[in-house]
Amino acid sequence: MGALPKRKKSQSRAKQRLSHIAIKPTALVECPQCHTRIRPHHACPTCGKYNGREVIVIKEPKKPETPTPLA
Protein backbone atom coordinates (compact mmCIF):
# COMPACT_ATOMS: atom_id res chain seq x y z
CA MET A 1 0.00 0.00 0.00
CA GLY A 2 1.20 3.52 -0.81
CA ALA A 3 1.77 6.44 1.50
CA LEU A 4 -1.27 7.72 3.37
CA PRO A 5 -1.79 11.00 5.25
CA LYS A 6 -1.53 10.79 9.05
CA ARG A 7 -4.36 13.31 9.57
CA LYS A 8 -7.33 14.59 7.62
CA LYS A 9 -6.69 17.92 5.85
CA SER A 10 -8.95 20.62 7.23
CA GLN A 11 -11.56 22.21 4.98
CA SER A 12 -9.80 25.55 5.29
CA ARG A 13 -6.44 24.20 4.13
CA ALA A 14 -7.98 22.29 1.23
CA LYS A 15 -9.96 25.32 0.02
CA GLN A 16 -6.92 27.59 0.27
CA ARG A 17 -5.03 25.25 -2.02
CA LEU A 18 -7.92 24.97 -4.50
CA SER A 19 -8.54 28.73 -4.60
CA HIS A 20 -5.57 29.19 -6.95
CA ILE A 21 -7.20 26.95 -9.58
CA ALA A 22 -10.25 29.24 -9.90
CA ILE A 23 -11.00 30.82 -13.29
CA LYS A 24 -10.19 34.51 -13.22
CA PRO A 25 -11.86 37.13 -15.45
CA THR A 26 -9.91 38.22 -18.53
CA ALA A 27 -8.18 41.56 -18.09
CA LEU A 28 -9.27 44.12 -20.68
CA VAL A 29 -7.85 47.53 -21.52
CA GLU A 30 -9.15 50.33 -23.72
CA CYS A 31 -7.74 50.75 -27.24
CA PRO A 32 -6.23 54.27 -27.42
CA GLN A 33 -7.43 54.79 -31.03
CA CYS A 34 -11.00 53.41 -31.17
CA HIS A 35 -11.71 53.02 -27.42
CA THR A 36 -12.98 49.44 -27.63
CA ARG A 37 -12.05 46.93 -24.93
CA ILE A 38 -9.17 44.61 -25.97
CA ARG A 39 -6.77 42.18 -24.31
CA PRO A 40 -3.54 43.81 -23.18
CA HIS A 41 -0.53 43.50 -25.51
CA HIS A 42 -2.70 42.40 -28.45
CA ALA A 43 -3.57 44.17 -31.71
CA CYS A 44 -7.04 45.70 -31.74
CA PRO A 45 -9.39 43.58 -33.93
CA THR A 46 -11.58 46.65 -34.59
CA CYS A 47 -9.05 49.19 -35.89
CA GLY A 48 -6.02 46.90 -36.45
CA LYS A 49 -3.56 49.03 -34.50
CA TYR A 50 -1.02 48.08 -31.86
CA ASN A 51 1.15 50.59 -30.03
CA GLY A 52 0.04 53.39 -32.39
CA ARG A 53 0.97 51.50 -35.59
CA GLU A 54 -1.27 49.64 -38.01
CA VAL A 55 -0.30 45.97 -37.83
CA ILE A 56 -3.47 44.37 -39.21
CA VAL A 57 -5.11 45.61 -42.41
CA ILE A 58 -8.85 45.83 -41.74
CA LYS A 59 -10.97 45.78 -44.90
CA GLU A 60 -14.11 47.07 -43.22
CA PRO A 61 -14.13 48.38 -39.64
CA LYS A 62 -16.40 46.49 -37.28
CA LYS A 63 -19.28 48.42 -35.86
CA PRO A 64 -20.27 47.88 -32.23
CA GLU A 65 -23.33 45.70 -31.93
CA THR A 66 -26.40 47.52 -30.70
CA PRO A 67 -28.89 45.46 -28.74
CA THR A 68 -32.20 45.06 -30.51
CA PRO A 69 -35.25 46.08 -28.46
CA LEU A 70 -37.59 43.27 -27.55
CA ALA A 71 -41.02 43.83 -29.06
PDB file of N, CA and C in Angstrom:
ATOM      1  N   MET A   1       0.840  -1.172   0.000  1.00  0.00           N
ATOM      2  CA  MET A   1       0.000   0.000   0.000  1.00  0.00           C
ATOM      3  C   MET A   1       0.891   1.244   0.000  1.00  0.00           C
ATOM      4  N   GLY A   2       0.427   2.294  -0.694  1.00  0.00           N
ATOM      5  CA  GLY A   2       1.205   3.518  -0.810  1.00  0.00           C
ATOM      6  C   GLY A   2       1.138   4.374   0.448  1.00  0.00           C
ATOM      7  N   ALA A   3       1.751   5.517   0.373  1.00  0.00           N
ATOM      8  CA  ALA A   3       1.769   6.445   1.505  1.00  0.00           C
ATOM      9  C   ALA A   3       0.385   7.026   1.742  1.00  0.00           C
ATOM     10  N   LEU A   4       0.023   7.168   2.995  1.00  0.00           N
ATOM     11  CA  LEU A   4      -1.269   7.724   3.367  1.00  0.00           C
ATOM     12  C   LEU A   4      -1.063   8.883   4.336  1.00  0.00           C
ATOM     13  N   PRO A   5      -1.945   9.881   4.322  1.00  0.00           N
ATOM     14  CA  PRO A   5      -1.792  10.996   5.255  1.00  0.00           C
ATOM     15  C   PRO A   5      -2.068  10.562   6.691  1.00  0.00           C
ATOM     16  N   LYS A   6      -1.323  11.139   7.641  1.00  0.00           N
ATOM     17  CA  LYS A   6      -1.529  10.794   9.054  1.00  0.00           C
ATOM     18  C   LYS A   6      -2.817  11.410   9.584  1.00  0.00           C
ATOM     19  N   ARG A   7      -3.159  12.620   9.096  1.00  0.00           N
ATOM     20  CA  ARG A   7      -4.357  13.309   9.572  1.00  0.00           C
ATOM     21  C   ARG A   7      -5.163  13.829   8.384  1.00  0.00           C
ATOM     22  N   LYS A   8      -6.457  14.021   8.644  1.00  0.00           N
ATOM     23  CA  LYS A   8      -7.327  14.589   7.619  1.00  0.00           C
ATOM     24  C   LYS A   8      -6.972  16.060   7.418  1.00  0.00           C
ATOM     25  N   LYS A   9      -6.932  16.503   6.135  1.00  0.00           N
ATOM     26  CA  LYS A   9      -6.693  17.923   5.849  1.00  0.00           C
ATOM     27  C   LYS A   9      -7.947  18.699   6.192  1.00  0.00           C
ATOM     28  N   SER A  10      -7.785  19.816   6.859  1.00  0.00           N
ATOM     29  CA  SER A  10      -8.948  20.621   7.233  1.00  0.00           C
ATOM     30  C   SER A  10      -9.581  21.227   5.977  1.00  0.00           C
ATOM     31  N   GLN A  11     -10.851  21.590   6.102  1.00  0.00           N
ATOM     32  CA  GLN A  11     -11.561  22.214   4.980  1.00  0.00           C
ATOM     33  C   GLN A  11     -10.878  23.506   4.577  1.00  0.00           C
ATOM     34  N   SER A  12     -10.438  24.263   5.561  1.00  0.00           N
ATOM     35  CA  SER A  12      -9.798  25.548   5.290  1.00  0.00           C
ATOM     36  C   SER A  12      -8.537  25.366   4.460  1.00  0.00           C
ATOM     37  N   ARG A  13      -7.698  24.415   4.844  1.00  0.00           N
ATOM     38  CA  ARG A  13      -6.436  24.201   4.127  1.00  0.00           C
ATOM     39  C   ARG A  13      -6.701  23.694   2.707  1.00  0.00           C
ATOM     40  N   ALA A  14      -7.668  22.818   2.554  1.00  0.00           N
ATOM     41  CA  ALA A  14      -7.979  22.288   1.226  1.00  0.00           C
ATOM     42  C   ALA A  14      -8.519  23.384   0.312  1.00  0.00           C
ATOM     43  N   LYS A  15      -9.386  24.249   0.839  1.00  0.00           N
ATOM     44  CA  LYS A  15      -9.964  25.319   0.018  1.00  0.00           C
ATOM     45  C   LYS A  15      -8.938  26.384  -0.327  1.00  0.00           C
ATOM     46  N   GLN A  16      -7.985  26.635   0.574  1.00  0.00           N
ATOM     47  CA  GLN A  16      -6.923  27.593   0.271  1.00  0.00           C
ATOM     48  C   GLN A  16      -6.091  27.099  -0.902  1.00  0.00           C
ATOM     49  N   ARG A  17      -5.821  25.811  -0.939  1.00  0.00           N
ATOM     50  CA  ARG A  17      -5.035  25.250  -2.022  1.00  0.00           C
ATOM     51  C   ARG A  17      -5.810  25.304  -3.328  1.00  0.00           C
ATOM     52  N   LEU A  18      -7.103  25.010  -3.285  1.00  0.00           N
ATOM     53  CA  LEU A  18      -7.918  24.974  -4.496  1.00  0.00           C
ATOM     54  C   LEU A  18      -8.293  26.361  -5.005  1.00  0.00           C
ATOM     55  N   SER A  19      -8.154  27.393  -4.173  1.00  0.00           N
ATOM     56  CA  SER A  19      -8.544  28.735  -4.598  1.00  0.00           C
ATOM     57  C   SER A  19      -7.674  29.247  -5.735  1.00  0.00           C
ATOM     58  N   HIS A  20      -6.459  28.736  -5.889  1.00  0.00           N
ATOM     59  CA  HIS A  20      -5.567  29.186  -6.949  1.00  0.00           C
ATOM     60  C   HIS A  20      -5.925  28.587  -8.300  1.00  0.00           C
ATOM     61  N   ILE A  21      -6.809  27.598  -8.327  1.00  0.00           N
ATOM     62  CA  ILE A  21      -7.205  26.951  -9.577  1.00  0.00           C
ATOM     63  C   ILE A  21      -8.387  27.692 -10.207  1.00  0.00           C
ATOM     64  N   ALA A  22      -9.032  28.572  -9.458  1.00  0.00           N
ATOM     65  CA  ALA A  22     -10.254  29.238  -9.901  1.00  0.00           C
ATOM     66  C   ALA A  22     -10.029  30.013 -11.204  1.00  0.00           C
ATOM     67  N   ILE A  23     -11.058  30.075 -12.033  1.00  0.00           N
ATOM     68  CA  ILE A  23     -10.998  30.822 -13.290  1.00  0.00           C
ATOM     69  C   ILE A  23     -11.124  32.304 -12.973  1.00  0.00           C
ATOM     70  N   LYS A  24     -10.198  33.080 -13.475  1.00  0.00           N
ATOM     71  CA  LYS A  24     -10.195  34.513 -13.222  1.00  0.00           C
ATOM     72  C   LYS A  24     -10.702  35.247 -14.459  1.00  0.00           C
ATOM     73  N   PRO A  25     -11.367  36.392 -14.285  1.00  0.00           N
ATOM     74  CA  PRO A  25     -11.865  37.127 -15.446  1.00  0.00           C
ATOM     75  C   PRO A  25     -10.717  37.674 -16.294  1.00  0.00           C
ATOM     76  N   THR A  26     -10.933  37.721 -17.600  1.00  0.00           N
ATOM     77  CA  THR A  26      -9.913  38.216 -18.526  1.00  0.00           C
ATOM     78  C   THR A  26      -9.722  39.709 -18.338  1.00  0.00           C
ATOM     79  N   ALA A  27      -8.474  40.133 -18.231  1.00  0.00           N
ATOM     80  CA  ALA A  27      -8.177  41.557 -18.091  1.00  0.00           C
ATOM     81  C   ALA A  27      -8.367  42.231 -19.447  1.00  0.00           C
ATOM     82  N   LEU A  28      -9.044  43.369 -19.450  1.00  0.00           N
ATOM     83  CA  LEU A  28      -9.275  44.116 -20.679  1.00  0.00           C
ATOM     84  C   LEU A  28      -8.817  45.558 -20.480  1.00  0.00           C
ATOM     85  N   VAL A  29      -8.253  46.127 -21.536  1.00  0.00           N
ATOM     86  CA  VAL A  29      -7.848  47.533 -21.524  1.00  0.00           C
ATOM     87  C   VAL A  29      -8.522  48.238 -22.695  1.00  0.00           C
ATOM     88  N   GLU A  30      -8.508  49.547 -22.665  1.00  0.00           N
ATOM     89  CA  GLU A  30      -9.152  50.329 -23.720  1.00  0.00           C
ATOM     90  C   GLU A  30      -8.162  50.623 -24.831  1.00  0.00           C
ATOM     91  N   CYS A  31      -8.572  50.418 -26.086  1.00  0.00           N
ATOM     92  CA  CYS A  31      -7.735  50.748 -27.237  1.00  0.00           C
ATOM     93  C   CYS A  31      -7.607  52.266 -27.312  1.00  0.00           C
ATOM     94  N   PRO A  32      -6.378  52.817 -27.396  1.00  0.00           N
ATOM     95  CA  PRO A  32      -6.230  54.273 -27.418  1.00  0.00           C
ATOM     96  C   PRO A  32      -6.795  54.935 -28.684  1.00  0.00           C
ATOM     97  N   GLN A  33      -6.933  54.193 -29.796  1.00  0.00           N
ATOM     98  CA  GLN A  33      -7.432  54.788 -31.031  1.00  0.00           C
ATOM     99  C   GLN A  33      -8.958  54.744 -31.112  1.00  0.00           C
ATOM    100  N   CYS A  34      -9.546  53.545 -30.955  1.00  0.00           N
ATOM    101  CA  CYS A  34     -10.998  53.415 -31.175  1.00  0.00           C
ATOM    102  C   CYS A  34     -11.779  53.220 -29.878  1.00  0.00           C
ATOM    103  N   HIS A  35     -11.103  53.108 -28.748  1.00  0.00           N
ATOM    104  CA  HIS A  35     -11.715  53.017 -27.419  1.00  0.00           C
ATOM    105  C   HIS A  35     -12.584  51.783 -27.206  1.00  0.00           C
ATOM    106  N   THR A  36     -12.294  50.696 -27.917  1.00  0.00           N
ATOM    107  CA  THR A  36     -12.976  49.440 -27.632  1.00  0.00           C
ATOM    108  C   THR A  36     -12.141  48.675 -26.617  1.00  0.00           C
ATOM    109  N   ARG A  37     -12.750  47.705 -25.943  1.00  0.00           N
ATOM    110  CA  ARG A  37     -12.051  46.926 -24.932  1.00  0.00           C
ATOM    111  C   ARG A  37     -11.309  45.775 -25.620  1.00  0.00           C
ATOM    112  N   ILE A  38      -9.986  45.657 -25.372  1.00  0.00           N
ATOM    113  CA  ILE A  38      -9.168  44.612 -25.973  1.00  0.00           C
ATOM    114  C   ILE A  38      -8.288  43.986 -24.897  1.00  0.00           C
ATOM    115  N   ARG A  39      -7.718  42.819 -25.212  1.00  0.00           N
ATOM    116  CA  ARG A  39      -6.775  42.180 -24.307  1.00  0.00           C
ATOM    117  C   ARG A  39      -5.457  42.948 -24.332  1.00  0.00           C
ATOM    118  N   PRO A  40      -4.788  43.059 -23.190  1.00  0.00           N
ATOM    119  CA  PRO A  40      -3.536  43.814 -23.176  1.00  0.00           C
ATOM    120  C   PRO A  40      -2.463  43.152 -24.034  1.00  0.00           C
ATOM    121  N   HIS A  41      -1.636  43.953 -24.667  1.00  0.00           N
ATOM    122  CA  HIS A  41      -0.526  43.502 -25.509  1.00  0.00           C
ATOM    123  C   HIS A  41      -0.991  42.704 -26.720  1.00  0.00           C
ATOM    124  N   HIS A  42      -2.170  43.027 -27.248  1.00  0.00           N
ATOM    125  CA  HIS A  42      -2.705  42.402 -28.454  1.00  0.00           C
ATOM    126  C   HIS A  42      -3.139  43.506 -29.414  1.00  0.00           C
ATOM    127  N   ALA A  43      -3.098  43.210 -30.710  1.00  0.00           N
ATOM    128  CA  ALA A  43      -3.572  44.171 -31.709  1.00  0.00           C
ATOM    129  C   ALA A  43      -5.093  44.269 -31.607  1.00  0.00           C
ATOM    130  N   CYS A  44      -5.604  45.461 -31.830  1.00  0.00           N
ATOM    131  CA  CYS A  44      -7.044  45.695 -31.744  1.00  0.00           C
ATOM    132  C   CYS A  44      -7.724  45.073 -32.965  1.00  0.00           C
ATOM    133  N   PRO A  45      -8.709  44.190 -32.775  1.00  0.00           N
ATOM    134  CA  PRO A  45      -9.394  43.582 -33.930  1.00  0.00           C
ATOM    135  C   PRO A  45     -10.321  44.568 -34.635  1.00  0.00           C
ATOM    136  N   THR A  46     -10.677  45.676 -33.993  1.00  0.00           N
ATOM    137  CA  THR A  46     -11.584  46.649 -34.594  1.00  0.00           C
ATOM    138  C   THR A  46     -10.864  47.596 -35.539  1.00  0.00           C
ATOM    139  N   CYS A  47      -9.760  48.213 -35.052  1.00  0.00           N
ATOM    140  CA  CYS A  47      -9.051  49.191 -35.891  1.00  0.00           C
ATOM    141  C   CYS A  47      -7.733  48.641 -36.446  1.00  0.00           C
ATOM    142  N   GLY A  48      -7.233  47.525 -35.927  1.00  0.00           N
ATOM    143  CA  GLY A  48      -6.024  46.898 -36.454  1.00  0.00           C
ATOM    144  C   GLY A  48      -4.728  47.533 -35.990  1.00  0.00           C
ATOM    145  N   LYS A  49      -4.770  48.334 -34.943  1.00  0.00           N
ATOM    146  CA  LYS A  49      -3.562  49.031 -34.500  1.00  0.00           C
ATOM    147  C   LYS A  49      -3.020  48.404 -33.214  1.00  0.00           C
ATOM    148  N   TYR A  50      -1.695  48.500 -33.079  1.00  0.00           N
ATOM    149  CA  TYR A  50      -1.020  48.076 -31.855  1.00  0.00           C
ATOM    150  C   TYR A  50       0.102  49.057 -31.604  1.00  0.00           C
ATOM    151  N   ASN A  51       0.110  49.651 -30.427  1.00  0.00           N
ATOM    152  CA  ASN A  51       1.151  50.593 -30.028  1.00  0.00           C
ATOM    153  C   ASN A  51       1.239  51.782 -30.999  1.00  0.00           C
ATOM    154  N   GLY A  52       0.084  52.238 -31.500  1.00  0.00           N
ATOM    155  CA  GLY A  52       0.043  53.393 -32.390  1.00  0.00           C
ATOM    156  C   GLY A  52       0.336  53.103 -33.848  1.00  0.00           C
ATOM    157  N   ARG A  53       0.662  51.852 -34.194  1.00  0.00           N
ATOM    158  CA  ARG A  53       0.967  51.504 -35.592  1.00  0.00           C
ATOM    159  C   ARG A  53      -0.075  50.536 -36.116  1.00  0.00           C
ATOM    160  N   GLU A  54      -0.327  50.579 -37.406  1.00  0.00           N
ATOM    161  CA  GLU A  54      -1.273  49.644 -38.015  1.00  0.00           C
ATOM    162  C   GLU A  54      -0.536  48.346 -38.301  1.00  0.00           C
ATOM    163  N   VAL A  55      -0.954  47.271 -37.655  1.00  0.00           N
ATOM    164  CA  VAL A  55      -0.298  45.973 -37.829  1.00  0.00           C
ATOM    165  C   VAL A  55      -1.209  44.968 -38.527  1.00  0.00           C
ATOM    166  N   ILE A  56      -2.514  45.228 -38.524  1.00  0.00           N
ATOM    167  CA  ILE A  56      -3.471  44.365 -39.215  1.00  0.00           C
ATOM    168  C   ILE A  56      -4.252  45.253 -40.172  1.00  0.00           C
ATOM    169  N   VAL A  57      -4.329  44.846 -41.438  1.00  0.00           N
ATOM    170  CA  VAL A  57      -5.106  45.610 -42.410  1.00  0.00           C
ATOM    171  C   VAL A  57      -6.560  45.169 -42.284  1.00  0.00           C
ATOM    172  N   ILE A  58      -7.420  46.108 -41.899  1.00  0.00           N
ATOM    173  CA  ILE A  58      -8.845  45.832 -41.735  1.00  0.00           C
ATOM    174  C   ILE A  58      -9.556  46.324 -42.987  1.00  0.00           C
ATOM    175  N   LYS A  59     -10.264  45.408 -43.675  1.00  0.00           N
ATOM    176  CA  LYS A  59     -10.970  45.777 -44.902  1.00  0.00           C
ATOM    177  C   LYS A  59     -12.158  46.688 -44.586  1.00  0.00           C
ATOM    178  N   GLU A  60     -12.950  46.288 -43.594  1.00  0.00           N
ATOM    179  CA  GLU A  60     -14.114  47.073 -43.221  1.00  0.00           C
ATOM    180  C   GLU A  60     -14.167  47.124 -41.699  1.00  0.00           C
ATOM    181  N   PRO A  61     -14.133  48.308 -41.107  1.00  0.00           N
ATOM    182  CA  PRO A  61     -14.128  48.375 -39.643  1.00  0.00           C
ATOM    183  C   PRO A  61     -15.399  47.794 -39.049  1.00  0.00           C
ATOM    184  N   LYS A  62     -15.241  47.071 -37.954  1.00  0.00           N
ATOM    185  CA  LYS A  62     -16.396  46.492 -37.280  1.00  0.00           C
ATOM    186  C   LYS A  62     -17.155  47.581 -36.553  1.00  0.00           C
ATOM    187  N   LYS A  63     -18.464  47.463 -36.583  1.00  0.00           N
ATOM    188  CA  LYS A  63     -19.282  48.417 -35.859  1.00  0.00           C
ATOM    189  C   LYS A  63     -19.743  47.738 -34.557  1.00  0.00           C
ATOM    190  N   PRO A  64     -19.799  48.488 -33.470  1.00  0.00           N
ATOM    191  CA  PRO A  64     -20.268  47.878 -32.228  1.00  0.00           C
ATOM    192  C   PRO A  64     -21.706  47.419 -32.361  1.00  0.00           C
ATOM    193  N   GLU A  65     -21.977  46.258 -31.832  1.00  0.00           N
ATOM    194  CA  GLU A  65     -23.329  45.698 -31.927  1.00  0.00           C
ATOM    195  C   GLU A  65     -24.256  46.459 -30.992  1.00  0.00           C
ATOM    196  N   THR A  66     -25.395  46.858 -31.527  1.00  0.00           N
ATOM    197  CA  THR A  66     -26.399  47.516 -30.701  1.00  0.00           C
ATOM    198  C   THR A  66     -27.458  46.495 -30.361  1.00  0.00           C
ATOM    199  N   PRO A  67     -27.857  46.444 -29.108  1.00  0.00           N
ATOM    200  CA  PRO A  67     -28.890  45.460 -28.740  1.00  0.00           C
ATOM    201  C   PRO A  67     -30.222  45.823 -29.373  1.00  0.00           C
ATOM    202  N   THR A  68     -30.889  44.827 -29.884  1.00  0.00           N
ATOM    203  CA  THR A  68     -32.198  45.060 -30.509  1.00  0.00           C
ATOM    204  C   THR A  68     -33.265  45.079 -29.433  1.00  0.00           C
ATOM    205  N   PRO A  69     -34.195  46.024 -29.481  1.00  0.00           N
ATOM    206  CA  PRO A  69     -35.252  46.077 -28.456  1.00  0.00           C
ATOM    207  C   PRO A  69     -36.217  44.909 -28.626  1.00  0.00           C
ATOM    208  N   LEU A  70     -36.620  44.372 -27.521  1.00  0.00           N
ATOM    209  CA  LEU A  70     -37.586  43.272 -27.554  1.00  0.00           C
ATOM    210  C   LEU A  70     -38.979  43.833 -27.761  1.00  0.00           C
ATOM    211  N   ALA A  71     -39.676  43.310 -28.767  1.00  0.00           N
ATOM    212  CA  ALA A  71     -41.016  43.833 -29.058  1.00  0.00           C
ATOM    213  C   ALA A  71     -42.069  42.824 -28.675  1.00  0.00           C
TER     214      ALA A  71
END
